[in-house]
Amino acid sequence: MPAGSDDPLLALVLQSLDDDQAQEVVTIDLDGKSSIADYMVIASGRSSRQVAAIAQKLAERLKHGGHGHARIEGLPAADWVLVDAGGVVVHLFRPEVRTFYNLERMWGFGEGGAGVA
């Protein structure tokens, strides 16, 4: 979790990703950079099947954790799945798709924008 953050939604997202063995989890603090969310989390799964499973389990845990219904896009192909949990937007990729889009570079804003969680 980013230093100094005590956001319960972010904590739940990061724990869920850890529980499901997501790889290369990166958290980007969007405070003051974008109004779409407070945090963006980017992670990889080893296969389309794992990406889909991580997304579905995350949505289930968000619901049971009292954070409402997350919107999920991209599940059929599961190359890139977006989970919109309100204050936290999660991008789940297969590794080669993640490399192609390179969201960390786009949203990292250079200095200290991205941190490994």
PDB file of N, CA and C in Angstrom:
ATOM      1  N   MET A   1       0.849  -1.171   0.000  1.00  0.00           N
ATOM      2  CA  MET A   1       0.000   0.000   0.000  1.00  0.00           C
ATOM      3  C   MET A   1       0.896   1.234   0.000  1.00  0.00           C
ATOM      4  N   PRO A   2       0.477   2.309  -0.675  1.00  0.00           N
ATOM      5  CA  PRO A   2       1.298   3.506  -0.698  1.00  0.00           C
ATOM      6  C   PRO A   2       1.565   4.012   0.712  1.00  0.00           C
ATOM      7  N   ALA A   3       2.738   4.605   0.880  1.00  0.00           N
ATOM      8  CA  ALA A   3       3.130   5.114   2.186  1.00  0.00           C
ATOM      9  C   ALA A   3       2.101   6.106   2.697  1.00  0.00           C
ATOM     10  N   GLY A   4       1.694   5.940   3.944  1.00  0.00           N
ATOM     11  CA  GLY A   4       0.768   6.865   4.573  1.00  0.00           C
ATOM     12  C   GLY A   4      -0.695   6.649   4.204  1.00  0.00           C
ATOM     13  N   SER A   5      -0.998   5.676   3.373  1.00  0.00           N
ATOM     14  CA  SER A   5      -2.379   5.454   2.964  1.00  0.00           C
ATOM     15  C   SER A   5      -3.079   4.538   3.956  1.00  0.00           C
ATOM     16  N   ASP A   6      -4.290   4.931   4.320  1.00  0.00           N
ATOM     17  CA  ASP A   6      -5.089   4.067   5.185  1.00  0.00           C
ATOM     18  C   ASP A   6      -6.459   3.855   4.546  1.00  0.00           C
ATOM     19  N   ASP A   7      -6.496   3.885   3.229  1.00  0.00           N
ATOM     20  CA  ASP A   7      -7.732   3.729   2.473  1.00  0.00           C
ATOM     21  C   ASP A   7      -8.199   2.273   2.549  1.00  0.00           C
ATOM     22  N   PRO A   8      -9.364   2.001   3.182  1.00  0.00           N
ATOM     23  CA  PRO A   8      -9.817   0.618   3.334  1.00  0.00           C
ATOM     24  C   PRO A   8     -10.155  -0.051   1.994  1.00  0.00           C
ATOM     25  N   LEU A   9     -10.641   0.710   1.028  1.00  0.00           N
ATOM     26  CA  LEU A   9     -10.937   0.150  -0.289  1.00  0.00           C
ATOM     27  C   LEU A   9      -9.653  -0.301  -0.975  1.00  0.00           C
ATOM     28  N   LEU A  10      -8.629   0.540  -0.950  1.00  0.00           N
ATOM     29  CA  LEU A  10      -7.345   0.178  -1.542  1.00  0.00           C
ATOM     30  C   LEU A  10      -6.758  -1.039  -0.836  1.00  0.00           C
ATOM     31  N   ALA A  11      -6.851  -1.064   0.486  1.00  0.00           N
ATOM     32  CA  ALA A  11      -6.323  -2.201   1.253  1.00  0.00           C
ATOM     33  C   ALA A  11      -7.015  -3.500   0.846  1.00  0.00           C
ATOM     34  N   LEU A  12      -8.338  -3.456   0.672  1.00  0.00           N
ATOM     35  CA  LEU A  12      -9.079  -4.653   0.266  1.00  0.00           C
ATOM     36  C   LEU A  12      -8.656  -5.101  -1.137  1.00  0.00           C
ATOM     37  N   VAL A  13      -8.512  -4.144  -2.052  1.00  0.00           N
ATOM     38  CA  VAL A  13      -8.096  -4.466  -3.422  1.00  0.00           C
ATOM     39  C   VAL A  13      -6.720  -5.126  -3.415  1.00  0.00           C
ATOM     40  N   LEU A  14      -5.772  -4.535  -2.714  1.00  0.00           N
ATOM     41  CA  LEU A  14      -4.407  -5.077  -2.695  1.00  0.00           C
ATOM     42  C   LEU A  14      -4.362  -6.454  -2.033  1.00  0.00           C
ATOM     43  N   GLN A  15      -5.148  -6.650  -0.971  1.00  0.00           N
ATOM     44  CA  GLN A  15      -5.183  -7.959  -0.312  1.00  0.00           C
ATOM     45  C   GLN A  15      -5.772  -9.008  -1.236  1.00  0.00           C
ATOM     46  N   SER A  16      -6.835  -8.646  -1.948  1.00  0.00           N
ATOM     47  CA  SER A  16      -7.462  -9.579  -2.880  1.00  0.00           C
ATOM     48  C   SER A  16      -6.490  -9.981  -3.990  1.00  0.00           C
ATOM     49  N   LEU A  17      -5.776  -9.000  -4.542  1.00  0.00           N
ATOM     50  CA  LEU A  17      -4.805  -9.298  -5.599  1.00  0.00           C
ATOM     51  C   LEU A  17      -3.698 -10.208  -5.072  1.00  0.00           C
ATOM     52  N   ASP A  18      -3.255  -9.937  -3.838  1.00  0.00           N
ATOM     53  CA  ASP A  18      -2.225 -10.768  -3.228  1.00  0.00           C
ATOM     54  C   ASP A  18      -2.734 -12.190  -2.998  1.00  0.00           C
ATOM     55  N   ASP A  19      -3.959 -12.310  -2.502  1.00  0.00           N
ATOM     56  CA  ASP A  19      -4.548 -13.623  -2.247  1.00  0.00           C
ATOM     57  C   ASP A  19      -4.641 -14.460  -3.520  1.00  0.00           C
ATOM     58  N   ASP A  20      -4.889 -13.794  -4.650  1.00  0.00           N
ATOM     59  CA  ASP A  20      -5.061 -14.506  -5.918  1.00  0.00           C
ATOM     60  C   ASP A  20      -3.794 -14.551  -6.758  1.00  0.00           C
ATOM     61  N   GLN A  21      -2.673 -14.223  -6.144  1.00  0.00           N
ATOM     62  CA  GLN A  21      -1.353 -14.338  -6.761  1.00  0.00           C
ATOM     63  C   GLN A  21      -1.188 -13.494  -8.027  1.00  0.00           C
ATOM     64  N   ALA A  22      -1.781 -12.289  -8.006  1.00  0.00           N
ATOM     65  CA  ALA A  22      -1.529 -11.349  -9.099  1.00  0.00           C
ATOM     66  C   ALA A  22      -0.044 -10.989  -9.062  1.00  0.00           C
ATOM     67  N   GLN A  23       0.502 -10.695 -10.220  1.00  0.00           N
ATOM     68  CA  GLN A  23       1.933 -10.421 -10.328  1.00  0.00           C
ATOM     69  C   GLN A  23       2.182  -8.959 -10.652  1.00  0.00           C
ATOM     70  N   GLU A  24       3.353  -8.467 -10.233  1.00  0.00           N
ATOM     71  CA  GLU A  24       3.794  -7.106 -10.550  1.00  0.00           C
ATOM     72  C   GLU A  24       2.715  -6.070 -10.253  1.00  0.00           C
ATOM     73  N   VAL A  25       2.244  -6.058  -9.020  1.00  0.00           N
ATOM     74  CA  VAL A  25       1.192  -5.131  -8.612  1.00  0.00           C
ATOM     75  C   VAL A  25       1.806  -3.750  -8.381  1.00  0.00           C
ATOM     76  N   VAL A  26       1.257  -2.752  -9.063  1.00  0.00           N
ATOM     77  CA  VAL A  26       1.727  -1.372  -8.948  1.00  0.00           C
ATOM     78  C   VAL A  26       0.537  -0.500  -8.566  1.00  0.00           C
ATOM     79  N   THR A  27       0.728   0.366  -7.583  1.00  0.00           N
ATOM     80  CA  THR A  27      -0.302   1.308  -7.162  1.00  0.00           C
ATOM     81  C   THR A  27       0.134   2.714  -7.549  1.00  0.00           C
ATOM     82  N   ILE A  28      -0.751   3.443  -8.220  1.00  0.00           N
ATOM     83  CA  ILE A  28      -0.476   4.821  -8.614  1.00  0.00           C
ATOM     84  C   ILE A  28      -1.477   5.716  -7.901  1.00  0.00           C
ATOM     85  N   ASP A  29      -0.964   6.657  -7.120  1.00  0.00           N
ATOM     86  CA  ASP A  29      -1.798   7.617  -6.400  1.00  0.00           C
ATOM     87  C   ASP A  29      -2.229   8.694  -7.395  1.00  0.00           C
ATOM     88  N   LEU A  30      -3.527   8.817  -7.616  1.00  0.00           N
ATOM     89  CA  LEU A  30      -4.045   9.778  -8.587  1.00  0.00           C
ATOM     90  C   LEU A  30      -4.486  11.086  -7.944  1.00  0.00           C
ATOM     91  N   ASP A  31      -4.281  11.233  -6.655  1.00  0.00           N
ATOM     92  CA  ASP A  31      -4.696  12.441  -5.954  1.00  0.00           C
ATOM     93  C   ASP A  31      -4.044  13.668  -6.600  1.00  0.00           C
ATOM     94  N   GLY A  32      -4.874  14.596  -7.031  1.00  0.00           N
ATOM     95  CA  GLY A  32      -4.382  15.804  -7.670  1.00  0.00           C
ATOM     96  C   GLY A  32      -3.986  15.624  -9.121  1.00  0.00           C
ATOM     97  N   LYS A  33      -4.086  14.403  -9.645  1.00  0.00           N
ATOM     98  CA  LYS A  33      -3.699  14.132 -11.032  1.00  0.00           C
ATOM     99  C   LYS A  33      -4.883  13.807 -11.913  1.00  0.00           C
ATOM    100  N   SER A  34      -5.931  13.246 -11.309  1.00  0.00           N
ATOM    101  CA  SER A  34      -7.104  12.844 -12.075  1.00  0.00           C
ATOM    102  C   SER A  34      -8.310  12.763 -11.153  1.00  0.00           C
ATOM    103  N   SER A  35      -9.478  13.004 -11.729  1.00  0.00           N
ATOM    104  CA  SER A  35     -10.703  12.901 -10.938  1.00  0.00           C
ATOM    105  C   SER A  35     -11.397  11.554 -11.137  1.00  0.00           C
ATOM    106  N   ILE A  36     -10.795  10.640 -11.916  1.00  0.00           N
ATOM    107  CA  ILE A  36     -11.458   9.359 -12.180  1.00  0.00           C
ATOM    108  C   ILE A  36     -11.478   8.449 -10.961  1.00  0.00           C
ATOM    109  N   ALA A  37     -10.462   8.575 -10.111  1.00  0.00           N
ATOM    110  CA  ALA A  37     -10.359   7.725  -8.924  1.00  0.00           C
ATOM    111  C   ALA A  37      -9.259   8.280  -8.030  1.00  0.00           C
ATOM    112  N   ASP A  38      -9.167   7.743  -6.825  1.00  0.00           N
ATOM    113  CA  ASP A  38      -8.086   8.131  -5.920  1.00  0.00           C
ATOM    114  C   ASP A  38      -6.815   7.353  -6.221  1.00  0.00           C
ATOM    115  N   TYR A  39      -6.993   6.089  -6.635  1.00  0.00           N
ATOM    116  CA  TYR A  39      -5.854   5.219  -6.922  1.00  0.00           C
ATOM    117  C   TYR A  39      -6.117   4.398  -8.177  1.00  0.00           C
ATOM    118  N   MET A  40      -5.049   4.103  -8.882  1.00  0.00           N
ATOM    119  CA  MET A  40      -5.085   3.148  -9.982  1.00  0.00           C
ATOM    120  C   MET A  40      -4.145   2.009  -9.584  1.00  0.00           C
ATOM    121  N   VAL A  41      -4.629   0.790  -9.727  1.00  0.00           N
ATOM    122  CA  VAL A  41      -3.808  -0.380  -9.439  1.00  0.00           C
ATOM    123  C   VAL A  41      -3.671  -1.170 -10.734  1.00  0.00           C
ATOM    124  N   ILE A  42      -2.443  -1.534 -11.067  1.00  0.00           N
ATOM    125  CA  ILE A  42      -2.159  -2.291 -12.278  1.00  0.00           C
ATOM    126  C   ILE A  42      -1.496  -3.594 -11.850  1.00  0.00           C
ATOM    127  N   ALA A  43      -1.982  -4.705 -12.401  1.00  0.00           N
ATOM    128  CA  ALA A  43      -1.432  -6.010 -12.036  1.00  0.00           C
ATOM    129  C   ALA A  43      -1.539  -6.955 -13.222  1.00  0.00           C
ATOM    130  N   SER A  44      -0.793  -8.037 -13.145  1.00  0.00           N
ATOM    131  CA  SER A  44      -0.803  -9.041 -14.212  1.00  0.00           C
ATOM    132  C   SER A  44      -1.229 -10.395 -13.671  1.00  0.00           C
ATOM    133  N   GLY A  45      -1.808 -11.174 -14.575  1.00  0.00           N
ATOM    134  CA  GLY A  45      -2.084 -12.580 -14.319  1.00  0.00           C
ATOM    135  C   GLY A  45      -1.292 -13.381 -15.340  1.00  0.00           C
ATOM    136  N   ARG A  46      -1.048 -14.625 -15.069  1.00  0.00           N
ATOM    137  CA  ARG A  46      -0.220 -15.448 -15.960  1.00  0.00           C
ATOM    138  C   ARG A  46      -0.931 -15.845 -17.251  1.00  0.00           C
ATOM    139  N   SER A  47      -2.271 -15.824 -17.220  1.00  0.00           N
ATOM    140  CA  SER A  47      -3.044 -16.251 -18.386  1.00  0.00           C
ATOM    141  C   SER A  47      -4.385 -15.518 -18.384  1.00  0.00           C
ATOM    142  N   SER A  48      -5.101 -15.600 -19.504  1.00  0.00           N
ATOM    143  CA  SER A  48      -6.434 -14.995 -19.568  1.00  0.00           C
ATOM    144  C   SER A  48      -7.346 -15.581 -18.501  1.00  0.00           C
ATOM    145  N   ARG A  49      -7.216 -16.857 -18.282  1.00  0.00           N
ATOM    146  CA  ARG A  49      -8.048 -17.528 -17.279  1.00  0.00           C
ATOM    147  C   ARG A  49      -7.791 -16.978 -15.879  1.00  0.00           C
ATOM    148  N   GLN A  50      -6.509 -16.773 -15.533  1.00  0.00           N
ATOM    149  CA  GLN A  50      -6.189 -16.227 -14.215  1.00  0.00           C
ATOM    150  C   GLN A  50      -6.639 -14.766 -14.105  1.00  0.00           C
ATOM    151  N   VAL A  51      -6.457 -13.983 -15.167  1.00  0.00           N
ATOM    152  CA  VAL A  51      -6.902 -12.581 -15.153  1.00  0.00           C
ATOM    153  C   VAL A  51      -8.404 -12.513 -14.867  1.00  0.00           C
ATOM    154  N   ALA A  52      -9.182 -13.337 -15.559  1.00  0.00           N
ATOM    155  CA  ALA A  52     -10.635 -13.359 -15.357  1.00  0.00           C
ATOM    156  C   ALA A  52     -10.978 -13.778 -13.929  1.00  0.00           C
ATOM    157  N   ALA A  53     -10.310 -14.781 -13.405  1.00  0.00           N
ATOM    158  CA  ALA A  53     -10.581 -15.258 -12.048  1.00  0.00           C
ATOM    159  C   ALA A  53     -10.238 -14.189 -11.005  1.00  0.00           C
ATOM    160  N   ILE A  54      -9.113 -13.501 -11.181  1.00  0.00           N
ATOM    161  CA  ILE A  54      -8.718 -12.432 -10.256  1.00  0.00           C
ATOM    162  C   ILE A  54      -9.789 -11.342 -10.243  1.00  0.00           C
ATOM    163  N   ALA A  55     -10.266 -10.952 -11.426  1.00  0.00           N
ATOM    164  CA  ALA A  55     -11.277  -9.894 -11.534  1.00  0.00           C
ATOM    165  C   ALA A  55     -12.585 -10.307 -10.870  1.00  0.00           C
ATOM    166  N   GLN A  56     -13.021 -11.519 -11.119  1.00  0.00           N
ATOM    167  CA  GLN A  56     -14.287 -11.983 -10.557  1.00  0.00           C
ATOM    168  C   GLN A  56     -14.211 -12.090  -9.034  1.00  0.00           C
ATOM    169  N   LYS A  57     -13.108 -12.605  -8.521  1.00  0.00           N
ATOM    170  CA  LYS A  57     -12.943 -12.720  -7.068  1.00  0.00           C
ATOM    171  C   LYS A  57     -12.862 -11.341  -6.429  1.00  0.00           C
ATOM    172  N   LEU A  58     -12.188 -10.408  -7.087  1.00  0.00           N
ATOM    173  CA  LEU A  58     -12.092  -9.052  -6.565  1.00  0.00           C
ATOM    174  C   LEU A  58     -13.481  -8.417  -6.463  1.00  0.00           C
ATOM    175  N   ALA A  59     -14.271  -8.553  -7.517  1.00  0.00           N
ATOM    176  CA  ALA A  59     -15.630  -7.992  -7.499  1.00  0.00           C
ATOM    177  C   ALA A  59     -16.459  -8.610  -6.377  1.00  0.00           C
ATOM    178  N   GLU A  60     -16.306  -9.912  -6.174  1.00  0.00           N
ATOM    179  CA  GLU A  60     -17.037 -10.606  -5.103  1.00  0.00           C
ATOM    180  C   GLU A  60     -16.598 -10.092  -3.733  1.00  0.00           C
ATOM    181  N   ARG A  61     -15.295  -9.934  -3.533  1.00  0.00           N
ATOM    182  CA  ARG A  61     -14.792  -9.460  -2.244  1.00  0.00           C
ATOM    183  C   ARG A  61     -15.210  -8.004  -1.985  1.00  0.00           C
ATOM    184  N   LEU A  62     -15.240  -7.192  -3.027  1.00  0.00           N
ATOM    185  CA  LEU A  62     -15.686  -5.803  -2.875  1.00  0.00           C
ATOM    186  C   LEU A  62     -17.139  -5.756  -2.414  1.00  0.00           C
ATOM    187  N   LYS A  63     -17.970  -6.587  -3.040  1.00  0.00           N
ATOM    188  CA  LYS A  63     -19.386  -6.638  -2.683  1.00  0.00           C
ATOM    189  C   LYS A  63     -19.555  -7.079  -1.230  1.00  0.00           C
ATOM    190  N   HIS A  64     -18.879  -8.172  -0.857  1.00  0.00           N
ATOM    191  CA  HIS A  64     -18.994  -8.694   0.511  1.00  0.00           C
ATOM    192  C   HIS A  64     -18.355  -7.757   1.536  1.00  0.00           C
ATOM    193  N   GLY A  65     -17.419  -6.936   1.090  1.00  0.00           N
ATOM    194  CA  GLY A  65     -16.767  -5.983   1.980  1.00  0.00           C
ATOM    195  C   GLY A  65     -17.550  -4.688   2.160  1.00  0.00           C
ATOM    196  N   GLY A  66     -18.721  -4.613   1.520  1.00  0.00           N
ATOM    197  CA  GLY A  66     -19.566  -3.444   1.677  1.00  0.00           C
ATOM    198  C   GLY A  66     -19.242  -2.294   0.739  1.00  0.00           C
ATOM    199  N   HIS A  67     -18.509  -2.566  -0.333  1.00  0.00           N
ATOM    200  CA  HIS A  67     -18.108  -1.522  -1.270  1.00  0.00           C
ATOM    201  C   HIS A  67     -18.975  -1.490  -2.529  1.00  0.00           C
ATOM    202  N   GLY A  68     -20.083  -2.196  -2.520  1.00  0.00           N
ATOM    203  CA  GLY A  68     -21.017  -2.167  -3.644  1.00  0.00           C
ATOM    204  C   GLY A  68     -20.579  -3.046  -4.802  1.00  0.00           C
ATOM    205  N   HIS A  69     -21.287  -2.881  -5.903  1.00  0.00           N
ATOM    206  CA  HIS A  69     -21.008  -3.675  -7.097  1.00  0.00           C
ATOM    207  C   HIS A  69     -19.974  -2.972  -7.955  1.00  0.00           C
ATOM    208  N   ALA A  70     -18.865  -3.621  -8.182  1.00  0.00           N
ATOM    209  CA  ALA A  70     -17.828  -3.066  -9.057  1.00  0.00           C
ATOM    210  C   ALA A  70     -18.230  -3.304 -10.507  1.00  0.00           C
ATOM    211  N   ARG A  71     -17.924  -2.353 -11.365  1.00  0.00           N
ATOM    212  CA  ARG A  71     -18.145  -2.542 -12.802  1.00  0.00           C
ATOM    213  C   ARG A  71     -16.933  -3.236 -13.382  1.00  0.00           C
ATOM    214  N   ILE A  72     -17.181  -4.249 -14.205  1.00  0.00           N
ATOM    215  CA  ILE A  72     -16.100  -5.009 -14.829  1.00  0.00           C
ATOM    216  C   ILE A  72     -16.258  -4.935 -16.338  1.00  0.00           C
ATOM    217  N   GLU A  73     -15.170  -4.623 -17.027  1.00  0.00           N
ATOM    218  CA  GLU A  73     -15.173  -4.612 -18.485  1.00  0.00           C
ATOM    219  C   GLU A  73     -14.001  -5.440 -18.989  1.00  0.00           C
ATOM    220  N   GLY A  74     -14.238  -6.169 -20.080  1.00  0.00           N
ATOM    221  CA  GLY A  74     -13.175  -6.934 -20.721  1.00  0.00           C
ATOM    222  C   GLY A  74     -13.106  -8.395 -20.335  1.00  0.00           C
ATOM    223  N   LEU A  75     -14.098  -8.890 -19.596  1.00  0.00           N
ATOM    224  CA  LEU A  75     -14.040 -10.285 -19.143  1.00  0.00           C
ATOM    225  C   LEU A  75     -14.061 -11.327 -20.260  1.00  0.00           C
ATOM    226  N   PRO A  76     -14.835 -11.155 -21.325  1.00  0.00           N
ATOM    227  CA  PRO A  76     -14.888 -12.242 -22.309  1.00  0.00           C
ATOM    228  C   PRO A  76     -13.501 -12.665 -22.837  1.00  0.00           C
ATOM    229  N   ALA A  77     -12.675 -11.705 -23.228  1.00  0.00           N
ATOM    230  CA  ALA A  77     -11.341 -12.054 -23.735  1.00  0.00           C
ATOM    231  C   ALA A  77     -10.334 -12.176 -22.605  1.00  0.00           C
ATOM    232  N   ALA A  78     -10.488 -11.344 -21.578  1.00  0.00           N
ATOM    233  CA  ALA A  78      -9.626 -11.336 -20.385  1.00  0.00           C
ATOM    234  C   ALA A  78      -8.154 -11.100 -20.702  1.00  0.00           C
ATOM    235  N   ASP A  79      -7.889 -10.331 -21.765  1.00  0.00           N
ATOM    236  CA  ASP A  79      -6.513  -9.894 -22.029  1.00  0.00           C
ATOM    237  C   ASP A  79      -6.207  -8.676 -21.166  1.00  0.00           C
ATOM    238  N   TRP A  80      -7.225  -7.802 -21.046  1.00  0.00           N
ATOM    239  CA  TRP A  80      -7.149  -6.584 -20.229  1.00  0.00           C
ATOM    240  C   TRP A  80      -8.523  -6.420 -19.601  1.00  0.00           C
ATOM    241  N   VAL A  81      -8.597  -6.560 -18.299  1.00  0.00           N
ATOM    242  CA  VAL A  81      -9.867  -6.429 -17.589  1.00  0.00           C
ATOM    243  C   VAL A  81      -9.779  -5.214 -16.673  1.00  0.00           C
ATOM    244  N   LEU A  82     -10.799  -4.376 -16.759  1.00  0.00           N
ATOM    245  CA  LEU A  82     -10.896  -3.186 -15.923  1.00  0.00           C
ATOM    246  C   LEU A  82     -11.938  -3.444 -14.849  1.00  0.00           C
ATOM    247  N   VAL A  83     -11.563  -3.211 -13.599  1.00  0.00           N
ATOM    248  CA  VAL A  83     -12.500  -3.319 -12.477  1.00  0.00           C
ATOM    249  C   VAL A  83     -12.597  -1.928 -11.862  1.00  0.00           C
ATOM    250  N   ASP A  84     -13.774  -1.314 -11.994  1.00  0.00           N
ATOM    251  CA  ASP A  84     -14.004   0.024 -11.457  1.00  0.00           C
ATOM    252  C   ASP A  84     -14.695  -0.112 -10.111  1.00  0.00           C
ATOM    253  N   ALA A  85     -13.942   0.143  -9.048  1.00  0.00           N
ATOM    254  CA  ALA A  85     -14.474   0.024  -7.694  1.00  0.00           C
ATOM    255  C   ALA A  85     -14.764   1.402  -7.098  1.00  0.00           C
ATOM    256  N   GLY A  86     -14.891   2.396  -7.944  1.00  0.00           N
ATOM    257  CA  GLY A  86     -15.162   3.749  -7.454  1.00  0.00           C
ATOM    258  C   GLY A  86     -13.873   4.492  -7.192  1.00  0.00           C
ATOM    259  N   GLY A  87     -13.425   4.507  -5.963  1.00  0.00           N
ATOM    260  CA  GLY A  87     -12.191   5.209  -5.602  1.00  0.00           C
ATOM    261  C   GLY A  87     -10.927   4.534  -6.073  1.00  0.00           C
ATOM    262  N   VAL A  88     -11.027   3.279  -6.474  1.00  0.00           N
ATOM    263  CA  VAL A  88      -9.875   2.524  -6.977  1.00  0.00           C
ATOM    264  C   VAL A  88     -10.258   1.889  -8.305  1.00  0.00           C
ATOM    265  N   VAL A  89      -9.440   2.137  -9.314  1.00  0.00           N
ATOM    266  CA  VAL A  89      -9.630   1.518 -10.623  1.00  0.00           C
ATOM    267  C   VAL A  89      -8.508   0.498 -10.805  1.00  0.00           C
ATOM    268  N   VAL A  90      -8.888  -0.736 -11.126  1.00  0.00           N
ATOM    269  CA  VAL A  90      -7.914  -1.821 -11.237  1.00  0.00           C
ATOM    270  C   VAL A  90      -7.831  -2.282 -12.688  1.00  0.00           C
ATOM    271  N   HIS A  91      -6.611  -2.329 -13.215  1.00  0.00           N
ATOM    272  CA  HIS A  91      -6.355  -2.848 -14.556  1.00  0.00           C
ATOM    273  C   HIS A  91      -5.618  -4.171 -14.391  1.00  0.00           C
ATOM    274  N   LEU A  92      -6.197  -5.231 -14.930  1.00  0.00           N
ATOM    275  CA  LEU A  92      -5.581  -6.562 -14.878  1.00  0.00           C
ATOM    276  C   LEU A  92      -5.231  -6.982 -16.295  1.00  0.00           C
ATOM    277  N   PHE A  93      -3.995  -7.405 -16.492  1.00  0.00           N
ATOM    278  CA  PHE A  93      -3.497  -7.727 -17.828  1.00  0.00           C
ATOM    279  C   PHE A  93      -2.853  -9.100 -17.894  1.00  0.00           C
ATOM    280  N   ARG A  94      -2.851  -9.670 -19.109  1.00  0.00           N
ATOM    281  CA  ARG A  94      -1.883 -10.708 -19.418  1.00  0.00           C
ATOM    282  C   ARG A  94      -0.562  -9.967 -19.629  1.00  0.00           C
ATOM    283  N   PRO A  95       0.591 -10.570 -19.286  1.00  0.00           N
ATOM    284  CA  PRO A  95       1.868  -9.838 -19.317  1.00  0.00           C
ATOM    285  C   PRO A  95       2.193  -9.150 -20.647  1.00  0.00           C
ATOM    286  N   GLU A  96       1.986  -9.833 -21.765  1.00  0.00           N
ATOM    287  CA  GLU A  96       2.356  -9.220 -23.049  1.00  0.00           C
ATOM    288  C   GLU A  96       1.440  -8.049 -23.409  1.00  0.00           C
ATOM    289  N   VAL A  97       0.185  -8.088 -22.974  1.00  0.00           N
ATOM    290  CA  VAL A  97      -0.746  -6.992 -23.226  1.00  0.00           C
ATOM    291  C   VAL A  97      -0.368  -5.801 -22.339  1.00  0.00           C
ATOM    292  N   ARG A  98       0.021  -6.079 -21.107  1.00  0.00           N
ATOM    293  CA  ARG A  98       0.465  -5.017 -20.203  1.00  0.00           C
ATOM    294  C   ARG A  98       1.686  -4.297 -20.764  1.00  0.00           C
ATOM    295  N   THR A  99       2.627  -5.049 -21.280  1.00  0.00           N
ATOM    296  CA  THR A  99       3.828  -4.458 -21.866  1.00  0.00           C
ATOM    297  C   THR A  99       3.466  -3.562 -23.046  1.00  0.00           C
ATOM    298  N   PHE A 100       2.537  -4.000 -23.867  1.00  0.00           N
ATOM    299  CA  PHE A 100       2.134  -3.236 -25.041  1.00  0.00           C
ATOM    300  C   PHE A 100       1.530  -1.888 -24.652  1.00  0.00           C
ATOM    301  N   TYR A 101       0.610  -1.866 -23.689  1.00  0.00           N
ATOM    302  CA  TYR A 101      -0.080  -0.630 -23.323  1.00  0.00           C
ATOM    303  C   TYR A 101       0.708   0.251 -22.356  1.00  0.00           C
ATOM    304  N   ASN A 102       1.550  -0.353 -21.530  1.00  0.00           N
ATOM    305  CA  ASN A 102       2.453   0.361 -20.628  1.00  0.00           C
ATOM    306  C   ASN A 102       1.781   1.504 -19.863  1.00  0.00           C
ATOM    307  N   LEU A 103       0.702   1.194 -19.159  1.00  0.00           N
ATOM    308  CA  LEU A 103      -0.032   2.205 -18.406  1.00  0.00           C
ATOM    309  C   LEU A 103       0.802   2.849 -17.297  1.00  0.00           C
ATOM    310  N   GLU A 104       1.735   2.100 -16.738  1.00  0.00           N
ATOM    311  CA  GLU A 104       2.571   2.668 -15.676  1.00  0.00           C
ATOM    312  C   GLU A 104       3.286   3.919 -16.165  1.00  0.00           C
ATOM    313  N   ARG A 105       3.812   3.865 -17.368  1.00  0.00           N
ATOM    314  CA  ARG A 105       4.536   5.009 -17.910  1.00  0.00           C
ATOM    315  C   ARG A 105       3.573   6.169 -18.182  1.00  0.00           C
ATOM    316  N   MET A 106       2.400   5.844 -18.714  1.00  0.00           N
ATOM    317  CA  MET A 106       1.429   6.876 -19.054  1.00  0.00           C
ATOM    318  C   MET A 106       0.905   7.599 -17.805  1.00  0.00           C
ATOM    319  N   TRP A 107       0.654   6.846 -16.730  1.00  0.00           N
ATOM    320  CA  TRP A 107       0.043   7.416 -15.536  1.00  0.00           C
ATOM    321  C   TRP A 107       1.030   7.687 -14.415  1.00  0.00           C
ATOM    322  N   GLY A 108       2.267   7.260 -14.577  1.00  0.00           N
ATOM    323  CA  GLY A 108       3.243   7.437 -13.499  1.00  0.00           C
ATOM    324  C   GLY A 108       3.700   8.865 -13.324  1.00  0.00           C
ATOM    325  N   PHE A 109       3.568   9.687 -14.365  1.00  0.00           N
ATOM    326  CA  PHE A 109       3.946  11.103 -14.314  1.00  0.00           C
ATOM    327  C   PHE A 109       5.368  11.299 -13.862  1.00  0.00           C
ATOM    328  N   GLY A 110       6.250  10.411 -14.277  1.00  0.00           N
ATOM    329  CA  GLY A 110       7.673  10.620 -14.016  1.00  0.00           C
ATOM    330  C   GLY A 110       8.083  10.376 -12.589  1.00  0.00           C
ATOM    331  N   GLU A 111       8.173  11.435 -11.803  1.00  0.00           N
ATOM    332  CA  GLU A 111       8.788  11.359 -10.478  1.00  0.00           C
ATOM    333  C   GLU A 111       7.873  10.799  -9.402  1.00  0.00           C
ATOM    334  N   GLY A 112       8.184   9.647  -8.903  1.00  0.00           N
ATOM    335  CA  GLY A 112       7.501   9.093  -7.746  1.00  0.00           C
ATOM    336  C   GLY A 112       6.012   8.846  -7.911  1.00  0.00           C
ATOM    337  N   GLY A 113       5.524   8.784  -9.143  1.00  0.00           N
ATOM    338  CA  GLY A 113       4.105   8.601  -9.350  1.00  0.00           C
ATOM    339  C   GLY A 113       3.637   7.186  -9.105  1.00  0.00           C
ATOM    340  N   ALA A 114       4.494   6.234  -9.387  1.00  0.00           N
ATOM    341  CA  ALA A 114       4.108   4.828  -9.258  1.00  0.00           C
ATOM    342  C   ALA A 114       4.962   4.176  -8.182  1.00  0.00           C
ATOM    343  N   GLY A 115       4.341   3.274  -7.465  1.00  0.00           N
ATOM    344  CA  GLY A 115       5.068   2.532  -6.451  1.00  0.00           C
ATOM    345  C   GLY A 115       4.615   1.096  -6.436  1.00  0.00           C
ATOM    346  N   VAL A 116       5.528   0.204  -6.193  1.00  0.00           N
ATOM    347  CA  VAL A 116       5.166  -1.206  -6.120  1.00  0.00           C
ATOM    348  C   VAL A 116       4.497  -1.445  -4.785  1.00  0.00           C
ATOM    349  N   ALA A 117       3.365  -2.117  -4.817  1.00  0.00           N
ATOM    350  CA  ALA A 117       2.630  -2.386  -3.580  1.00  0.00           C
ATOM    351  C   ALA A 117       2.914  -3.782  -3.086  1.00  0.00           C
TER     352      ALA A 117
END
